[in-house]
């Protein structure tokens, strides 16, 4: 993935993130019900910064697939999402870890 913990997302802004945080942002960006505003609240990344992170972290094909998937998706923006969507993930998404 990305080497080190500091990544330059926009021309003048450098974000210090751990690899595990970058991985979590990518996971959240792929999730249909997780809005960009939630990523911003948790990690301080705007939508354009998330897009830039995804572009740098994914293969070209995966990035294009992701952009096609999230473009126009109402659940990715709190202001336009259906008020009946109240949770950010599917109830079966996070299962207890087996030991």
N, C-alpha and C. Protein backbone atom coordinates (compact mmCIF):
# COMPACT_ATOMS: atom_id res chain seq x y z
N UNK A 1 0.84 -1.17 0.00
CA UNK A 1 0.00 0.00 0.00
C UNK A 1 0.89 1.24 0.00
N UNK A 2 0.71 2.13 0.94
CA UNK A 2 1.51 3.34 1.00
C UNK A 2 2.65 3.16 1.99
N UNK A 3 3.83 3.60 1.64
CA UNK A 3 4.97 3.49 2.53
C UNK A 3 4.95 4.62 3.54
N UNK A 4 5.29 4.32 4.77
CA UNK A 4 5.34 5.34 5.81
C UNK A 4 3.96 5.73 6.31
N UNK A 5 3.92 6.74 7.18
CA UNK A 5 2.64 7.14 7.75
C UNK A 5 2.18 8.51 7.28
N UNK A 6 3.04 9.29 6.66
CA UNK A 6 2.65 10.61 6.17
C UNK A 6 2.33 10.52 4.69
N UNK A 7 1.18 11.04 4.31
CA UNK A 7 0.82 11.05 2.90
C UNK A 7 0.40 12.46 2.51
N UNK A 8 0.75 12.85 1.33
CA UNK A 8 0.35 14.15 0.82
C UNK A 8 -0.89 13.94 -0.02
N UNK A 9 -2.01 14.51 0.47
CA UNK A 9 -3.27 14.33 -0.23
C UNK A 9 -3.55 15.46 -1.20
N UNK A 10 -3.37 16.64 -0.77
CA UNK A 10 -3.56 17.79 -1.64
C UNK A 10 -2.23 18.51 -1.74
N UNK A 11 -2.11 19.43 -2.64
CA UNK A 11 -0.82 20.03 -2.94
C UNK A 11 -0.09 20.57 -1.71
N UNK A 12 -0.80 21.15 -0.74
CA UNK A 12 -0.10 21.75 0.40
C UNK A 12 -0.38 21.05 1.72
N UNK A 13 -1.31 20.13 1.76
CA UNK A 13 -1.70 19.52 3.02
C UNK A 13 -1.14 18.11 3.14
N UNK A 14 -0.45 17.87 4.22
CA UNK A 14 0.10 16.54 4.50
C UNK A 14 -0.68 15.97 5.68
N UNK A 15 -1.15 14.75 5.53
CA UNK A 15 -1.92 14.07 6.56
C UNK A 15 -1.07 12.95 7.13
N UNK A 16 -0.96 12.90 8.45
CA UNK A 16 -0.25 11.80 9.09
C UNK A 16 -1.27 10.76 9.53
N UNK A 17 -1.19 9.60 8.93
CA UNK A 17 -2.11 8.52 9.26
C UNK A 17 -1.33 7.22 9.34
N UNK A 18 -1.76 6.36 10.25
CA UNK A 18 -1.18 5.02 10.34
C UNK A 18 -1.73 4.19 9.19
N UNK A 19 -0.99 3.16 8.83
CA UNK A 19 -1.44 2.25 7.76
C UNK A 19 -2.82 1.68 8.08
N UNK A 20 -3.06 1.35 9.34
CA UNK A 20 -4.36 0.76 9.72
C UNK A 20 -5.49 1.78 9.55
N UNK A 21 -5.20 3.07 9.79
CA UNK A 21 -6.21 4.11 9.59
C UNK A 21 -6.50 4.31 8.10
N UNK A 22 -5.46 4.27 7.30
CA UNK A 22 -5.64 4.38 5.85
C UNK A 22 -6.49 3.22 5.36
N UNK A 23 -6.20 2.03 5.86
CA UNK A 23 -6.96 0.85 5.48
C UNK A 23 -8.43 1.01 5.88
N UNK A 24 -8.68 1.55 7.07
CA UNK A 24 -10.06 1.73 7.54
C UNK A 24 -10.79 2.78 6.70
N UNK A 25 -10.11 3.86 6.32
CA UNK A 25 -10.74 4.87 5.46
C UNK A 25 -11.13 4.24 4.13
N UNK A 26 -10.25 3.43 3.56
CA UNK A 26 -10.55 2.75 2.30
C UNK A 26 -11.77 1.84 2.47
N UNK A 27 -11.80 1.11 3.57
CA UNK A 27 -12.94 0.23 3.84
C UNK A 27 -14.24 1.03 3.96
N UNK A 28 -14.19 2.14 4.69
CA UNK A 28 -15.37 2.98 4.85
C UNK A 28 -15.81 3.58 3.53
N UNK A 29 -14.86 3.96 2.69
CA UNK A 29 -15.19 4.55 1.39
C UNK A 29 -15.89 3.53 0.50
N UNK A 30 -15.53 2.26 0.61
CA UNK A 30 -16.16 1.21 -0.20
C UNK A 30 -17.57 0.88 0.30
N UNK A 31 -17.82 1.09 1.60
CA UNK A 31 -19.12 0.75 2.18
C UNK A 31 -20.20 1.67 1.62
N UNK A 32 -21.30 1.09 1.19
CA UNK A 32 -22.39 1.86 0.60
C UNK A 32 -23.05 2.82 1.59
N UNK A 33 -23.20 2.41 2.81
CA UNK A 33 -23.96 3.20 3.77
C UNK A 33 -23.11 4.15 4.60
N UNK A 34 -21.83 4.16 4.42
CA UNK A 34 -20.98 5.07 5.18
C UNK A 34 -20.80 6.36 4.39
N UNK A 35 -21.37 7.47 4.88
CA UNK A 35 -21.26 8.72 4.15
C UNK A 35 -19.86 9.34 4.28
N UNK A 36 -19.53 10.17 3.33
CA UNK A 36 -18.24 10.87 3.38
C UNK A 36 -18.13 11.73 4.63
N UNK A 37 -19.27 12.23 5.12
CA UNK A 37 -19.26 13.06 6.33
C UNK A 37 -18.79 12.27 7.54
N UNK A 38 -19.09 10.98 7.60
CA UNK A 38 -18.63 10.14 8.72
C UNK A 38 -17.11 9.99 8.66
N UNK A 39 -16.58 9.82 7.46
CA UNK A 39 -15.12 9.73 7.30
C UNK A 39 -14.48 11.05 7.73
N UNK A 40 -15.12 12.15 7.37
CA UNK A 40 -14.60 13.46 7.76
C UNK A 40 -14.60 13.63 9.27
N UNK A 41 -15.67 13.21 9.93
CA UNK A 41 -15.75 13.34 11.38
C UNK A 41 -14.70 12.48 12.08
N UNK A 42 -14.47 11.29 11.58
CA UNK A 42 -13.53 10.37 12.24
C UNK A 42 -12.07 10.64 11.89
N UNK A 43 -11.80 11.01 10.64
CA UNK A 43 -10.41 11.13 10.19
C UNK A 43 -10.02 12.51 9.67
N UNK A 44 -10.99 13.42 9.58
CA UNK A 44 -10.68 14.78 9.15
C UNK A 44 -10.40 14.92 7.67
N UNK A 45 -10.84 13.95 6.87
CA UNK A 45 -10.60 13.98 5.42
C UNK A 45 -11.87 14.42 4.70
N UNK A 46 -11.74 15.39 3.83
CA UNK A 46 -12.87 15.83 3.02
C UNK A 46 -13.11 14.81 1.90
N UNK A 47 -14.23 14.94 1.21
CA UNK A 47 -14.52 14.02 0.10
C UNK A 47 -13.42 14.05 -0.97
N UNK A 48 -12.95 15.23 -1.40
CA UNK A 48 -11.86 15.23 -2.40
C UNK A 48 -10.59 14.56 -1.89
N UNK A 49 -10.32 14.68 -0.58
CA UNK A 49 -9.13 14.04 -0.02
C UNK A 49 -9.31 12.51 0.01
N UNK A 50 -10.52 12.05 0.29
CA UNK A 50 -10.79 10.61 0.27
C UNK A 50 -10.61 10.08 -1.15
N UNK A 51 -11.12 10.82 -2.12
CA UNK A 51 -10.97 10.42 -3.52
C UNK A 51 -9.49 10.33 -3.89
N UNK A 52 -8.72 11.32 -3.47
CA UNK A 52 -7.28 11.31 -3.76
C UNK A 52 -6.59 10.13 -3.08
N UNK A 53 -6.97 9.86 -1.82
CA UNK A 53 -6.41 8.71 -1.10
C UNK A 53 -6.74 7.41 -1.83
N UNK A 54 -7.98 7.29 -2.27
CA UNK A 54 -8.39 6.08 -3.00
C UNK A 54 -7.62 5.96 -4.31
N UNK A 55 -7.45 7.06 -5.01
CA UNK A 55 -6.71 7.03 -6.29
C UNK A 55 -5.28 6.54 -6.08
N UNK A 56 -4.66 6.98 -4.99
CA UNK A 56 -3.27 6.60 -4.73
C UNK A 56 -3.13 5.20 -4.16
N UNK A 57 -4.19 4.71 -3.50
CA UNK A 57 -4.08 3.43 -2.80
C UNK A 57 -4.56 2.23 -3.62
N UNK A 58 -5.46 2.46 -4.55
CA UNK A 58 -6.04 1.37 -5.32
C UNK A 58 -5.40 1.27 -6.70
N UNK A 59 -5.56 0.12 -7.30
CA UNK A 59 -5.13 -0.01 -8.69
C UNK A 59 -6.05 0.85 -9.55
N UNK A 60 -5.64 1.18 -10.74
CA UNK A 60 -6.45 2.02 -11.63
C UNK A 60 -7.82 1.41 -11.85
N UNK A 61 -7.85 0.13 -12.09
CA UNK A 61 -9.12 -0.56 -12.35
C UNK A 61 -10.04 -0.52 -11.12
N UNK A 62 -9.47 -0.78 -9.93
CA UNK A 62 -10.27 -0.74 -8.70
C UNK A 62 -10.77 0.67 -8.42
N UNK A 63 -9.92 1.66 -8.65
CA UNK A 63 -10.34 3.04 -8.42
C UNK A 63 -11.50 3.41 -9.34
N UNK A 64 -11.40 3.07 -10.61
CA UNK A 64 -12.48 3.38 -11.56
C UNK A 64 -13.76 2.68 -11.16
N UNK A 65 -13.65 1.45 -10.71
CA UNK A 65 -14.81 0.69 -10.26
C UNK A 65 -15.45 1.36 -9.04
N UNK A 66 -14.62 1.79 -8.10
CA UNK A 66 -15.11 2.47 -6.90
C UNK A 66 -15.80 3.78 -7.25
N UNK A 67 -15.17 4.58 -8.12
CA UNK A 67 -15.75 5.88 -8.49
C UNK A 67 -17.10 5.68 -9.18
N UNK A 68 -17.17 4.70 -10.04
CA UNK A 68 -18.43 4.41 -10.72
C UNK A 68 -19.49 3.99 -9.69
N UNK A 69 -19.07 3.24 -8.71
CA UNK A 69 -19.99 2.75 -7.68
C UNK A 69 -20.53 3.88 -6.80
N UNK A 70 -19.68 4.80 -6.36
CA UNK A 70 -20.12 5.84 -5.42
C UNK A 70 -20.66 7.09 -6.09
N UNK A 71 -20.38 7.29 -7.35
CA UNK A 71 -20.87 8.49 -8.04
C UNK A 71 -22.39 8.46 -8.10
N UNK A 72 -23.00 9.47 -7.53
CA UNK A 72 -24.45 9.57 -7.55
C UNK A 72 -25.14 8.72 -6.51
N UNK A 73 -24.39 8.01 -5.68
CA UNK A 73 -25.00 7.15 -4.64
C UNK A 73 -25.45 8.04 -3.49
N UNK A 74 -26.75 8.07 -3.25
CA UNK A 74 -27.31 8.97 -2.24
C UNK A 74 -26.84 8.64 -0.83
N UNK A 75 -26.58 7.38 -0.54
CA UNK A 75 -26.19 7.02 0.82
C UNK A 75 -24.79 7.51 1.18
N UNK A 76 -24.01 7.98 0.21
CA UNK A 76 -22.66 8.47 0.49
C UNK A 76 -22.66 9.93 0.92
N UNK A 77 -23.83 10.57 0.93
CA UNK A 77 -23.94 11.97 1.35
C UNK A 77 -25.12 12.13 2.29
N UNK A 78 -24.87 12.56 3.52
CA UNK A 78 -25.93 12.65 4.51
C UNK A 78 -27.08 13.58 4.08
N UNK A 79 -26.78 14.64 3.38
CA UNK A 79 -27.82 15.61 3.01
C UNK A 79 -28.83 15.07 2.02
N UNK A 80 -28.44 14.13 1.19
CA UNK A 80 -29.36 13.61 0.17
C UNK A 80 -29.82 12.18 0.43
N UNK A 81 -29.35 11.59 1.51
CA UNK A 81 -29.74 10.21 1.78
C UNK A 81 -31.13 10.12 2.39
N UNK A 82 -31.76 9.02 2.20
CA UNK A 82 -33.09 8.76 2.72
C UNK A 82 -33.03 8.79 4.25
N UNK A 83 -33.95 9.50 4.91
CA UNK A 83 -33.91 9.56 6.38
C UNK A 83 -34.14 8.20 7.05
N UNK A 84 -34.62 7.22 6.32
CA UNK A 84 -34.81 5.88 6.88
C UNK A 84 -33.50 5.12 7.03
N UNK A 85 -32.43 5.60 6.39
CA UNK A 85 -31.12 4.97 6.52
C UNK A 85 -30.47 5.57 7.76
N UNK A 86 -30.51 4.83 8.86
CA UNK A 86 -30.04 5.38 10.12
C UNK A 86 -28.72 4.79 10.60
N UNK A 87 -28.27 3.71 10.01
CA UNK A 87 -27.00 3.14 10.43
C UNK A 87 -26.02 3.14 9.26
N UNK A 88 -24.75 3.10 9.60
CA UNK A 88 -23.73 3.20 8.58
C UNK A 88 -23.25 1.87 8.04
N UNK A 89 -23.81 0.77 8.51
CA UNK A 89 -23.35 -0.52 8.01
C UNK A 89 -24.44 -1.56 8.17
N UNK A 90 -24.28 -2.65 7.49
CA UNK A 90 -25.21 -3.78 7.56
C UNK A 90 -25.04 -4.47 8.92
N UNK A 91 -26.13 -4.90 9.56
CA UNK A 91 -26.00 -5.52 10.89
C UNK A 91 -25.15 -6.79 10.90
N UNK A 92 -24.99 -7.44 9.77
CA UNK A 92 -24.17 -8.65 9.73
C UNK A 92 -22.72 -8.37 9.32
N UNK A 93 -22.39 -7.10 9.10
CA UNK A 93 -21.05 -6.77 8.62
C UNK A 93 -19.97 -7.04 9.65
N UNK A 94 -20.21 -6.65 10.89
CA UNK A 94 -19.20 -6.81 11.94
C UNK A 94 -19.58 -7.98 12.82
N UNK A 95 -18.95 -9.09 12.59
CA UNK A 95 -19.23 -10.31 13.33
C UNK A 95 -18.16 -10.49 14.41
N UNK A 96 -18.54 -11.14 15.51
CA UNK A 96 -17.53 -11.39 16.56
C UNK A 96 -16.37 -12.21 16.01
N UNK A 97 -15.18 -11.88 16.46
CA UNK A 97 -13.99 -12.62 16.03
C UNK A 97 -13.93 -13.97 16.73
N UNK A 98 -13.68 -15.00 15.96
CA UNK A 98 -13.54 -16.34 16.55
C UNK A 98 -12.11 -16.50 17.03
N UNK A 99 -11.97 -17.24 18.08
CA UNK A 99 -10.63 -17.43 18.65
C UNK A 99 -10.08 -18.77 18.35
